[in-house]
PDB file of all heavy atoms in Angstrom:
ATOM      1  N   GLY A   1      31.678 199.568  43.020  1.00  0.00           N
ATOM      2  CA  GLY A   1      31.718 199.212  44.423  1.00  0.00           C
ATOM      3  C   GLY A   1      30.982 197.927  44.734  1.00  0.00           C
ATOM      4  O   GLY A   1      31.139 197.316  45.763  1.00  0.00           O
ATOM      5  N   ILE A   2      30.129 197.479  43.757  1.00  0.00           N
ATOM      6  CA  ILE A   2      29.353 196.272  43.959  1.00  0.00           C
ATOM      7  C   ILE A   2      30.221 195.050  44.077  1.00  0.00           C
ATOM      8  O   ILE A   2      31.123 194.862  43.252  1.00  0.00           O
ATOM      9  CB  ILE A   2      28.331 196.114  42.832  1.00  0.00           C
ATOM     10  CG1 ILE A   2      27.348 197.270  42.843  1.00  0.00           C
ATOM     11  CG2 ILE A   2      27.562 194.797  42.994  1.00  0.00           C
ATOM     12  CD1 ILE A   2      26.382 197.279  41.640  1.00  0.00           C
ATOM     13  N   GLY A   3      30.004 194.264  45.122  1.00  0.00           N
ATOM     14  CA  GLY A   3      30.780 193.069  45.305  1.00  0.00           C
ATOM     15  C   GLY A   3      31.991 193.256  46.226  1.00  0.00           C
ATOM     16  O   GLY A   3      32.651 192.267  46.611  1.00  0.00           O
ATOM     17  N   GLN A   4      32.268 194.490  46.649  1.00  0.00           N
ATOM     18  CA  GLN A   4      33.396 194.747  47.513  1.00  0.00           C
ATOM     19  C   GLN A   4      33.160 194.170  48.906  1.00  0.00           C
ATOM     20  O   GLN A   4      32.016 194.155  49.379  1.00  0.00           O
ATOM     21  CB  GLN A   4      33.702 196.256  47.595  1.00  0.00           C
ATOM     22  CG  GLN A   4      34.330 196.847  46.364  1.00  0.00           C
ATOM     23  CD  GLN A   4      34.766 198.267  46.636  1.00  0.00           C
ATOM     24  OE1 GLN A   4      34.723 198.811  47.722  1.00  0.00           O
ATOM     25  NE2 GLN A   4      35.209 198.922  45.529  1.00  0.00           N
ATOM     26  N   ARG A   5      34.225 193.739  49.549  1.00  0.00           N
ATOM     27  CA  ARG A   5      34.214 193.326  50.977  1.00  0.00           C
ATOM     28  C   ARG A   5      35.112 194.266  51.694  1.00  0.00           C
ATOM     29  O   ARG A   5      36.338 194.045  51.782  1.00  0.00           O
ATOM     30  CB  ARG A   5      34.638 191.881  51.076  1.00  0.00           C
ATOM     31  CG  ARG A   5      33.718 190.869  50.388  1.00  0.00           C
ATOM     32  CD  ARG A   5      34.252 189.454  50.443  1.00  0.00           C
ATOM     33  NE  ARG A   5      34.496 188.994  51.784  1.00  0.00           N
ATOM     34  CZ  ARG A   5      33.550 188.441  52.516  1.00  0.00           C
ATOM     35  NH1 ARG A   5      32.313 188.267  52.076  1.00  0.00           N
ATOM     36  NH2 ARG A   5      33.794 188.038  53.758  1.00  0.00           N
ATOM     37  N   ALA A   6      34.531 195.296  52.237  1.00  0.00           N
ATOM     38  CA  ALA A   6      35.318 196.384  52.856  1.00  0.00           C
ATOM     39  C   ALA A   6      35.479 196.193  54.362  1.00  0.00           C
ATOM     40  O   ALA A   6      34.471 196.032  55.066  1.00  0.00           O
ATOM     41  CB  ALA A   6      34.666 197.723  52.574  1.00  0.00           C
ATOM     42  N   LYS A   7      36.683 196.145  54.839  1.00  0.00           N
ATOM     43  CA  LYS A   7      36.966 195.983  56.278  1.00  0.00           C
ATOM     44  C   LYS A   7      36.894 197.313  56.970  1.00  0.00           C
ATOM     45  O   LYS A   7      37.435 198.324  56.506  1.00  0.00           O
ATOM     46  CB  LYS A   7      38.329 195.341  56.532  1.00  0.00           C
ATOM     47  CG  LYS A   7      38.396 193.860  56.110  1.00  0.00           C
ATOM     48  CD  LYS A   7      39.752 193.243  56.545  1.00  0.00           C
ATOM     49  CE  LYS A   7      39.789 191.736  56.244  1.00  0.00           C
ATOM     50  NZ  LYS A   7      41.075 191.140  56.640  1.00  0.00           N
ATOM     51  N   ARG A   8      36.305 197.314  58.186  1.00  0.00           N
ATOM     52  CA  ARG A   8      36.206 198.510  59.012  1.00  0.00           C
ATOM     53  C   ARG A   8      36.576 198.060  60.439  1.00  0.00           C
ATOM     54  O   ARG A   8      35.879 197.213  61.021  1.00  0.00           O
ATOM     55  CB  ARG A   8      34.768 199.104  58.999  1.00  0.00           C
ATOM     56  CG  ARG A   8      34.289 199.536  57.618  1.00  0.00           C
ATOM     57  CD  ARG A   8      35.021 200.755  57.152  1.00  0.00           C
ATOM     58  NE  ARG A   8      34.528 201.235  55.861  1.00  0.00           N
ATOM     59  CZ  ARG A   8      35.096 200.964  54.723  1.00  0.00           C
ATOM     60  NH1 ARG A   8      36.190 200.181  54.674  1.00  0.00           N
ATOM     61  NH2 ARG A   8      34.609 201.474  53.579  1.00  0.00           N
ATOM     62  N   TYR A   9      37.604 198.621  60.962  1.00  0.00           N
ATOM     63  CA  TYR A   9      38.109 198.217  62.301  1.00  0.00           C
ATOM     64  C   TYR A   9      37.313 198.998  63.372  1.00  0.00           C
ATOM     65  O   TYR A   9      37.241 200.233  63.336  1.00  0.00           O
ATOM     66  CB  TYR A   9      39.605 198.494  62.398  1.00  0.00           C
ATOM     67  CG  TYR A   9      40.397 197.602  61.412  1.00  0.00           C
ATOM     68  CD1 TYR A   9      40.619 198.027  60.132  1.00  0.00           C
ATOM     69  CD2 TYR A   9      40.795 196.331  61.807  1.00  0.00           C
ATOM     70  CE1 TYR A   9      41.291 197.190  59.226  1.00  0.00           C
ATOM     71  CE2 TYR A   9      41.449 195.485  60.944  1.00  0.00           C
ATOM     72  CZ  TYR A   9      41.692 195.921  59.626  1.00  0.00           C
ATOM     73  OH  TYR A   9      42.326 195.104  58.753  1.00  0.00           O
ATOM     74  N   TYR A  10      36.726 198.232  64.285  1.00  0.00           N
ATOM     75  CA  TYR A  10      35.782 198.857  65.213  1.00  0.00           C
ATOM     76  C   TYR A  10      36.390 199.106  66.595  1.00  0.00           C
ATOM     77  O   TYR A  10      37.340 198.478  67.013  1.00  0.00           O
ATOM     78  CB  TYR A  10      34.575 197.937  65.358  1.00  0.00           C
ATOM     79  CG  TYR A  10      34.837 196.514  65.873  1.00  0.00           C
ATOM     80  CD1 TYR A  10      35.112 196.264  67.157  1.00  0.00           C
ATOM     81  CD2 TYR A  10      34.796 195.437  64.964  1.00  0.00           C
ATOM     82  CE1 TYR A  10      35.381 194.963  67.630  1.00  0.00           C
ATOM     83  CE2 TYR A  10      35.058 194.159  65.380  1.00  0.00           C
ATOM     84  CZ  TYR A  10      35.345 193.926  66.720  1.00  0.00           C
ATOM     85  OH  TYR A  10      35.604 192.637  67.153  1.00  0.00           O
ATOM     86  N   ALA A  11      35.734 200.052  67.295  1.00  0.00           N
ATOM     87  CA  ALA A  11      36.017 200.333  68.682  1.00  0.00           C
ATOM     88  C   ALA A  11      34.772 201.021  69.272  1.00  0.00           C
ATOM     89  O   ALA A  11      34.087 201.730  68.581  1.00  0.00           O
ATOM     90  CB  ALA A  11      37.242 201.224  68.839  1.00  0.00           C
ATOM     91  N   PHE A  12      34.561 200.773  70.570  1.00  0.00           N
ATOM     92  CA  PHE A  12      33.459 201.439  71.286  1.00  0.00           C
ATOM     93  C   PHE A  12      34.059 202.304  72.393  1.00  0.00           C
ATOM     94  O   PHE A  12      34.966 201.861  73.099  1.00  0.00           O
ATOM     95  CB  PHE A  12      32.503 200.427  71.906  1.00  0.00           C
ATOM     96  CG  PHE A  12      31.716 199.591  70.899  1.00  0.00           C
ATOM     97  CD1 PHE A  12      32.218 198.375  70.407  1.00  0.00           C
ATOM     98  CD2 PHE A  12      30.489 200.067  70.458  1.00  0.00           C
ATOM     99  CE1 PHE A  12      31.466 197.632  69.497  1.00  0.00           C
ATOM    100  CE2 PHE A  12      29.765 199.300  69.540  1.00  0.00           C
ATOM    101  CZ  PHE A  12      30.220 198.126  69.065  1.00  0.00           C
ATOM    102  N   ASP A  13      33.531 203.535  72.522  1.00  0.00           N
ATOM    103  CA  ASP A  13      34.035 204.388  73.609  1.00  0.00           C
ATOM    104  C   ASP A  13      33.099 204.181  74.827  1.00  0.00           C
ATOM    105  O   ASP A  13      32.136 203.445  74.815  1.00  0.00           O
ATOM    106  CB  ASP A  13      34.166 205.833  73.193  1.00  0.00           C
ATOM    107  CG  ASP A  13      32.822 206.475  72.849  1.00  0.00           C
ATOM    108  OD1 ASP A  13      31.750 205.943  73.233  1.00  0.00           O
ATOM    109  OD2 ASP A  13      32.829 207.598  72.241  1.00  0.00           O
ATOM    110  N   SER A  14      33.399 204.891  75.900  1.00  0.00           N
ATOM    111  CA  SER A  14      32.645 204.719  77.147  1.00  0.00           C
ATOM    112  C   SER A  14      31.220 205.164  77.031  1.00  0.00           C
ATOM    113  O   SER A  14      30.340 204.767  77.795  1.00  0.00           O
ATOM    114  CB  SER A  14      33.326 205.531  78.276  1.00  0.00           C
ATOM    115  OG  SER A  14      33.415 206.900  77.950  1.00  0.00           O
ATOM    116  N   ALA A  15      30.916 206.008  76.059  1.00  0.00           N
ATOM    117  CA  ALA A  15      29.542 206.465  75.846  1.00  0.00           C
ATOM    118  C   ALA A  15      28.782 205.566  74.916  1.00  0.00           C
ATOM    119  O   ALA A  15      27.599 205.800  74.612  1.00  0.00           O
ATOM    120  CB  ALA A  15      29.546 207.903  75.313  1.00  0.00           C
ATOM    121  N   GLY A  16      29.435 204.514  74.420  1.00  0.00           N
ATOM    122  CA  GLY A  16      28.761 203.586  73.516  1.00  0.00           C
ATOM    123  C   GLY A  16      28.841 203.953  72.073  1.00  0.00           C
ATOM    124  O   GLY A  16      28.262 203.262  71.229  1.00  0.00           O
ATOM    125  N   ARG A  17      29.581 205.021  71.739  1.00  0.00           N
ATOM    126  CA  ARG A  17      29.750 205.407  70.329  1.00  0.00           C
ATOM    127  C   ARG A  17      30.670 204.385  69.634  1.00  0.00           C
ATOM    128  O   ARG A  17      31.607 203.885  70.232  1.00  0.00           O
ATOM    129  CB  ARG A  17      30.282 206.818  70.194  1.00  0.00           C
ATOM    130  CG  ARG A  17      29.218 207.868  70.507  1.00  0.00           C
ATOM    131  CD  ARG A  17      29.800 209.263  70.481  1.00  0.00           C
ATOM    132  NE  ARG A  17      30.800 209.434  71.505  1.00  0.00           N
ATOM    133  CZ  ARG A  17      31.242 210.648  71.924  1.00  0.00           C
ATOM    134  NH1 ARG A  17      30.737 211.727  71.367  1.00  0.00           N
ATOM    135  NH2 ARG A  17      32.150 210.709  72.866  1.00  0.00           N
ATOM    136  N   LEU A  18      30.395 204.165  68.331  1.00  0.00           N
ATOM    137  CA  LEU A  18      31.083 203.201  67.544  1.00  0.00           C
ATOM    138  C   LEU A  18      32.040 203.859  66.556  1.00  0.00           C
ATOM    139  O   LEU A  18      31.589 204.733  65.767  1.00  0.00           O
ATOM    140  CB  LEU A  18      30.102 202.327  66.787  1.00  0.00           C
ATOM    141  CG  LEU A  18      30.628 201.399  65.694  1.00  0.00           C
ATOM    142  CD1 LEU A  18      31.543 200.302  66.246  1.00  0.00           C
ATOM    143  CD2 LEU A  18      29.474 200.753  64.936  1.00  0.00           C
ATOM    144  N   SER A  19      33.327 203.531  66.613  1.00  0.00           N
ATOM    145  CA  SER A  19      34.274 204.089  65.642  1.00  0.00           C
ATOM    146  C   SER A  19      34.575 202.980  64.669  1.00  0.00           C
ATOM    147  O   SER A  19      34.899 201.842  65.048  1.00  0.00           O
ATOM    148  CB  SER A  19      35.563 204.505  66.357  1.00  0.00           C
ATOM    149  OG  SER A  19      35.368 205.575  67.216  1.00  0.00           O
ATOM    150  N   LEU A  20      34.520 203.338  63.381  1.00  0.00           N
ATOM    151  CA  LEU A  20      34.885 202.416  62.287  1.00  0.00           C
ATOM    152  C   LEU A  20      36.027 203.058  61.499  1.00  0.00           C
ATOM    153  O   LEU A  20      35.864 204.109  60.906  1.00  0.00           O
ATOM    154  CB  LEU A  20      33.675 202.145  61.371  1.00  0.00           C
ATOM    155  CG  LEU A  20      32.455 201.476  62.002  1.00  0.00           C
ATOM    156  CD1 LEU A  20      31.325 201.359  61.001  1.00  0.00           C
ATOM    157  CD2 LEU A  20      32.854 200.065  62.529  1.00  0.00           C
ATOM    158  N   THR A  21      37.156 202.371  61.430  1.00  0.00           N
ATOM    159  CA  THR A  21      38.349 202.909  60.829  1.00  0.00           C
ATOM    160  C   THR A  21      38.668 202.108  59.606  1.00  0.00           C
ATOM    161  O   THR A  21      38.686 200.877  59.587  1.00  0.00           O
ATOM    162  CB  THR A  21      39.549 202.823  61.795  1.00  0.00           C
ATOM    163  OG1 THR A  21      39.262 203.545  62.963  1.00  0.00           O
ATOM    164  CG2 THR A  21      40.809 203.424  61.136  1.00  0.00           C
ATOM    165  N   THR A  22      38.899 202.848  58.467  1.00  0.00           N
ATOM    166  CA  THR A  22      39.226 202.183  57.217  1.00  0.00           C
ATOM    167  C   THR A  22      40.677 201.736  57.184  1.00  0.00           C
ATOM    168  O   THR A  22      41.509 202.322  57.887  1.00  0.00           O
ATOM    169  CB  THR A  22      38.962 203.124  56.003  1.00  0.00           C
ATOM    170  OG1 THR A  22      39.893 204.219  56.084  1.00  0.00           O
ATOM    171  CG2 THR A  22      37.549 203.616  56.020  1.00  0.00           C
ATOM    172  N   PRO A  23      41.021 200.700  56.405  1.00  0.00           N
ATOM    173  CA  PRO A  23      42.429 200.380  56.279  1.00  0.00           C
ATOM    174  C   PRO A  23      43.253 201.529  55.665  1.00  0.00           C
ATOM    175  O   PRO A  23      42.706 202.317  54.924  1.00  0.00           O
ATOM    176  CB  PRO A  23      42.431 199.143  55.342  1.00  0.00           C
ATOM    177  CG  PRO A  23      41.031 198.595  55.452  1.00  0.00           C
ATOM    178  CD  PRO A  23      40.157 199.810  55.665  1.00  0.00           C
ATOM    179  N   PRO A  24      44.526 201.652  56.017  1.00  0.00           N
ATOM    180  CA  PRO A  24      45.369 202.741  55.486  1.00  0.00           C
ATOM    181  C   PRO A  24      45.408 202.660  53.973  1.00  0.00           C
ATOM    182  O   PRO A  24      45.537 201.609  53.356  1.00  0.00           O
ATOM    183  CB  PRO A  24      46.715 202.532  56.120  1.00  0.00           C
ATOM    184  CG  PRO A  24      46.453 201.655  57.318  1.00  0.00           C
ATOM    185  CD  PRO A  24      45.296 200.801  56.941  1.00  0.00           C
ATOM    186  N   ARG A  25      45.370 203.846  53.342  1.00  0.00           N
ATOM    187  CA  ARG A  25      45.540 203.968  51.886  1.00  0.00           C
ATOM    188  C   ARG A  25      46.493 205.084  51.531  1.00  0.00           C
ATOM    189  O   ARG A  25      46.594 206.046  52.293  1.00  0.00           O
ATOM    190  CB  ARG A  25      44.182 204.226  51.211  1.00  0.00           C
ATOM    191  CG  ARG A  25      43.189 203.092  51.340  1.00  0.00           C
ATOM    192  CD  ARG A  25      41.894 203.430  50.641  1.00  0.00           C
ATOM    193  NE  ARG A  25      40.903 202.346  50.708  1.00  0.00           N
ATOM    194  CZ  ARG A  25      39.666 202.460  50.217  1.00  0.00           C
ATOM    195  NH1 ARG A  25      39.294 203.580  49.643  1.00  0.00           N
ATOM    196  NH2 ARG A  25      38.847 201.427  50.356  1.00  0.00           N
ATOM    197  N   GLY A  26      47.160 204.946  50.424  1.00  0.00           N
ATOM    198  CA  GLY A  26      48.063 205.981  49.921  1.00  0.00           C
ATOM    199  C   GLY A  26      49.489 205.499  49.730  1.00  0.00           C
ATOM    200  O   GLY A  26      49.755 204.275  49.868  1.00  0.00           O
ATOM    201  N   GLU A  27      50.383 206.421  49.405  1.00  0.00           N
ATOM    202  CA  GLU A  27      51.765 206.061  49.172  1.00  0.00           C
ATOM    203  C   GLU A  27      52.422 205.611  50.453  1.00  0.00           C
ATOM    204  O   GLU A  27      52.086 206.113  51.540  1.00  0.00           O
ATOM    205  CB  GLU A  27      52.497 207.258  48.594  1.00  0.00           C
ATOM    206  CG  GLU A  27      51.918 207.754  47.247  1.00  0.00           C
ATOM    207  CD  GLU A  27      52.670 208.997  46.767  1.00  0.00           C
ATOM    208  OE1 GLU A  27      53.673 209.371  47.399  1.00  0.00           O
ATOM    209  OE2 GLU A  27      52.216 209.605  45.760  1.00  0.00           O
ATOM    210  N   PRO A  28      53.376 204.657  50.352  1.00  0.00           N
ATOM    211  CA  PRO A  28      54.120 204.250  51.567  1.00  0.00           C
ATOM    212  C   PRO A  28      54.678 205.401  52.370  1.00  0.00           C
ATOM    213  O   PRO A  28      55.314 206.307  51.786  1.00  0.00           O
ATOM    214  CB  PRO A  28      55.224 203.345  51.007  1.00  0.00           C
ATOM    215  CG  PRO A  28      54.670 202.842  49.712  1.00  0.00           C
ATOM    216  CD  PRO A  28      53.851 204.016  49.163  1.00  0.00           C
TER     217      PRO A  28
END
């Protein structure tokens, strides 16, 4: 895992909580 640049797609809800979504993985 060292050296990886992992993207996390962010969103904030009305309560200020932070959602981080990983890019899709798996078979098409």
